[in-house]
């Protein structure tokens, strides 16, 4: 997969992960891109390590699932570190 495809996958996976997770998350589109790319990398690395997944195809369901799962994990860790993952009762 090319570098631009990897960035696009990370951006979309980060946006989907933000939509899936409850609560208010900080950061704009750049933070979403960065956390999504890191999450896609982490998910791809773990998928390759644990499941011997082939991540060379952009339109593979396996690639997207691992990228979104990795992005969710990274967003959860980011929320724990920054404390912005908690929803407020108003």
C-alpha atoms as a PDB file:
ATOM      1  CA  UNK A   1       0.000   0.000   0.000  1.00  0.00           C
ATOM      2  CA  UNK A   2       1.374   3.435  -0.867  1.00  0.00           C
ATOM      3  CA  UNK A   3       2.095   6.133   1.697  1.00  0.00           C
ATOM      4  CA  UNK A   4      -0.827   8.313   0.531  1.00  0.00           C
ATOM      5  CA  UNK A   5      -3.218   5.366   0.727  1.00  0.00           C
ATOM      6  CA  UNK A   6      -1.930   4.653   4.237  1.00  0.00           C
ATOM      7  CA  UNK A   7      -2.593   8.295   5.247  1.00  0.00           C
ATOM      8  CA  UNK A   8      -6.088   8.173   3.762  1.00  0.00           C
ATOM      9  CA  UNK A   9      -6.809   4.888   5.532  1.00  0.00           C
ATOM     10  CA  UNK A  10      -5.546   6.375   8.808  1.00  0.00           C
ATOM     11  CA  UNK A  11      -7.682   9.499   8.452  1.00  0.00           C
ATOM     12  CA  UNK A  12     -10.840   7.562   7.716  1.00  0.00           C
ATOM     13  CA  UNK A  13     -10.122   4.933  10.387  1.00  0.00           C
ATOM     14  CA  UNK A  14      -9.513   7.695  12.953  1.00  0.00           C
ATOM     15  CA  UNK A  15     -12.778   9.415  12.044  1.00  0.00           C
ATOM     16  CA  UNK A  16     -14.700   6.134  12.287  1.00  0.00           C
ATOM     17  CA  UNK A  17     -13.066   5.333  15.630  1.00  0.00           C
ATOM     18  CA  UNK A  18     -14.028   8.786  16.965  1.00  0.00           C
ATOM     19  CA  UNK A  19     -17.616   8.195  15.842  1.00  0.00           C
ATOM     20  CA  UNK A  20     -17.742   4.751  17.483  1.00  0.00           C
ATOM     21  CA  UNK A  21     -16.325   5.790  20.863  1.00  0.00           C
ATOM     22  CA  UNK A  22     -18.711   7.566  23.236  1.00  0.00           C
ATOM     23  CA  UNK A  23     -17.884  10.883  24.855  1.00  0.00           C
ATOM     24  CA  UNK A  24     -16.207  14.037  23.677  1.00  0.00           C
ATOM     25  CA  UNK A  25     -12.735  13.710  22.219  1.00  0.00           C
ATOM     26  CA  UNK A  26     -10.329  16.561  21.787  1.00  0.00           C
ATOM     27  CA  UNK A  27      -8.393  17.358  18.675  1.00  0.00           C
ATOM     28  CA  UNK A  28      -9.323  18.431  15.201  1.00  0.00           C
ATOM     29  CA  UNK A  29      -8.678  16.887  11.836  1.00  0.00           C
ATOM     30  CA  UNK A  30      -4.894  16.869  12.295  1.00  0.00           C
ATOM     31  CA  UNK A  31      -5.134  15.005  15.611  1.00  0.00           C
ATOM     32  CA  UNK A  32      -7.610  12.601  13.991  1.00  0.00           C
ATOM     33  CA  UNK A  33      -5.183  12.010  11.123  1.00  0.00           C
ATOM     34  CA  UNK A  34      -2.239  11.512  13.433  1.00  0.00           C
ATOM     35  CA  UNK A  35      -4.043   9.197  15.860  1.00  0.00           C
ATOM     36  CA  UNK A  36      -5.685   7.339  12.978  1.00  0.00           C
ATOM     37  CA  UNK A  37      -2.361   6.743  11.240  1.00  0.00           C
ATOM     38  CA  UNK A  38      -0.772   5.609  14.510  1.00  0.00           C
ATOM     39  CA  UNK A  39      -3.798   3.397  15.151  1.00  0.00           C
ATOM     40  CA  UNK A  40      -3.687   1.943  11.650  1.00  0.00           C
ATOM     41  CA  UNK A  41       0.012   1.200  12.136  1.00  0.00           C
ATOM     42  CA  UNK A  42      -0.580  -0.404  15.549  1.00  0.00           C
ATOM     43  CA  UNK A  43      -3.555  -2.413  14.280  1.00  0.00           C
ATOM     44  CA  UNK A  44      -1.659  -3.538  11.200  1.00  0.00           C
ATOM     45  CA  UNK A  45       1.409  -4.454  13.207  1.00  0.00           C
ATOM     46  CA  UNK A  46      -0.610  -6.462  15.742  1.00  0.00           C
ATOM     47  CA  UNK A  47      -2.686  -8.075  12.989  1.00  0.00           C
ATOM     48  CA  UNK A  48       0.425  -9.126  11.126  1.00  0.00           C
ATOM     49  CA  UNK A  49       2.069 -10.370  14.289  1.00  0.00           C
ATOM     50  CA  UNK A  50      -0.878 -12.253  15.796  1.00  0.00           C
ATOM     51  CA  UNK A  51      -2.935 -13.284  12.754  1.00  0.00           C
ATOM     52  CA  UNK A  52      -0.372 -13.188   9.924  1.00  0.00           C
ATOM     53  CA  UNK A  53      -2.691 -10.752   8.114  1.00  0.00           C
ATOM     54  CA  UNK A  54      -1.871  -9.493   4.615  1.00  0.00           C
ATOM     55  CA  UNK A  55      -2.225  -5.699   4.742  1.00  0.00           C
ATOM     56  CA  UNK A  56      -1.087  -4.837   1.246  1.00  0.00           C
ATOM     57  CA  UNK A  57      -4.567  -4.228  -0.173  1.00  0.00           C
ATOM     58  CA  UNK A  58      -6.430  -0.970   0.468  1.00  0.00           C
ATOM     59  CA  UNK A  59      -9.952  -2.310  -0.122  1.00  0.00           C
ATOM     60  CA  UNK A  60      -9.559  -5.385   2.061  1.00  0.00           C
ATOM     61  CA  UNK A  61     -12.068  -5.735   4.910  1.00  0.00           C
ATOM     62  CA  UNK A  62      -9.302  -7.195   7.055  1.00  0.00           C
ATOM     63  CA  UNK A  63      -7.118  -4.121   6.534  1.00  0.00           C
ATOM     64  CA  UNK A  64      -9.948  -1.746   7.446  1.00  0.00           C
ATOM     65  CA  UNK A  65     -11.010  -3.752  10.513  1.00  0.00           C
ATOM     66  CA  UNK A  66      -7.466  -3.814  11.872  1.00  0.00           C
ATOM     67  CA  UNK A  67      -6.959  -0.107  11.165  1.00  0.00           C
ATOM     68  CA  UNK A  68     -10.210   0.884  12.862  1.00  0.00           C
ATOM     69  CA  UNK A  69      -9.549  -1.442  15.798  1.00  0.00           C
ATOM     70  CA  UNK A  70      -6.057  -0.029  16.210  1.00  0.00           C
ATOM     71  CA  UNK A  71      -7.425   3.514  16.018  1.00  0.00           C
ATOM     72  CA  UNK A  72      -9.965   2.747  18.744  1.00  0.00           C
ATOM     73  CA  UNK A  73      -7.199   1.419  20.981  1.00  0.00           C
ATOM     74  CA  UNK A  74      -5.002   4.467  20.327  1.00  0.00           C
ATOM     75  CA  UNK A  75      -7.920   6.860  20.957  1.00  0.00           C
ATOM     76  CA  UNK A  76      -8.717   5.101  24.233  1.00  0.00           C
ATOM     77  CA  UNK A  77      -5.096   5.386  25.350  1.00  0.00           C
ATOM     78  CA  UNK A  78      -4.975   9.036  24.232  1.00  0.00           C
ATOM     79  CA  UNK A  79      -8.170   9.712  26.187  1.00  0.00           C
ATOM     80  CA  UNK A  80      -6.746   8.093  29.298  1.00  0.00           C
ATOM     81  CA  UNK A  81      -3.556  10.129  29.041  1.00  0.00           C
ATOM     82  CA  UNK A  82      -5.202  13.481  28.357  1.00  0.00           C
ATOM     83  CA  UNK A  83      -8.383  12.907  30.364  1.00  0.00           C
ATOM     84  CA  UNK A  84     -10.574  14.136  27.470  1.00  0.00           C
ATOM     85  CA  UNK A  85     -12.414  10.862  26.976  1.00  0.00           C
ATOM     86  CA  UNK A  86     -14.859  11.401  29.815  1.00  0.00           C
ATOM     87  CA  UNK A  87     -18.331  12.543  28.933  1.00  0.00           C
ATOM     88  CA  UNK A  88     -19.859  15.244  31.111  1.00  0.00           C
ATOM     89  CA  UNK A  89     -23.331  15.018  32.579  1.00  0.00           C
ATOM     90  CA  UNK A  90     -25.024  18.354  32.045  1.00  0.00           C
END
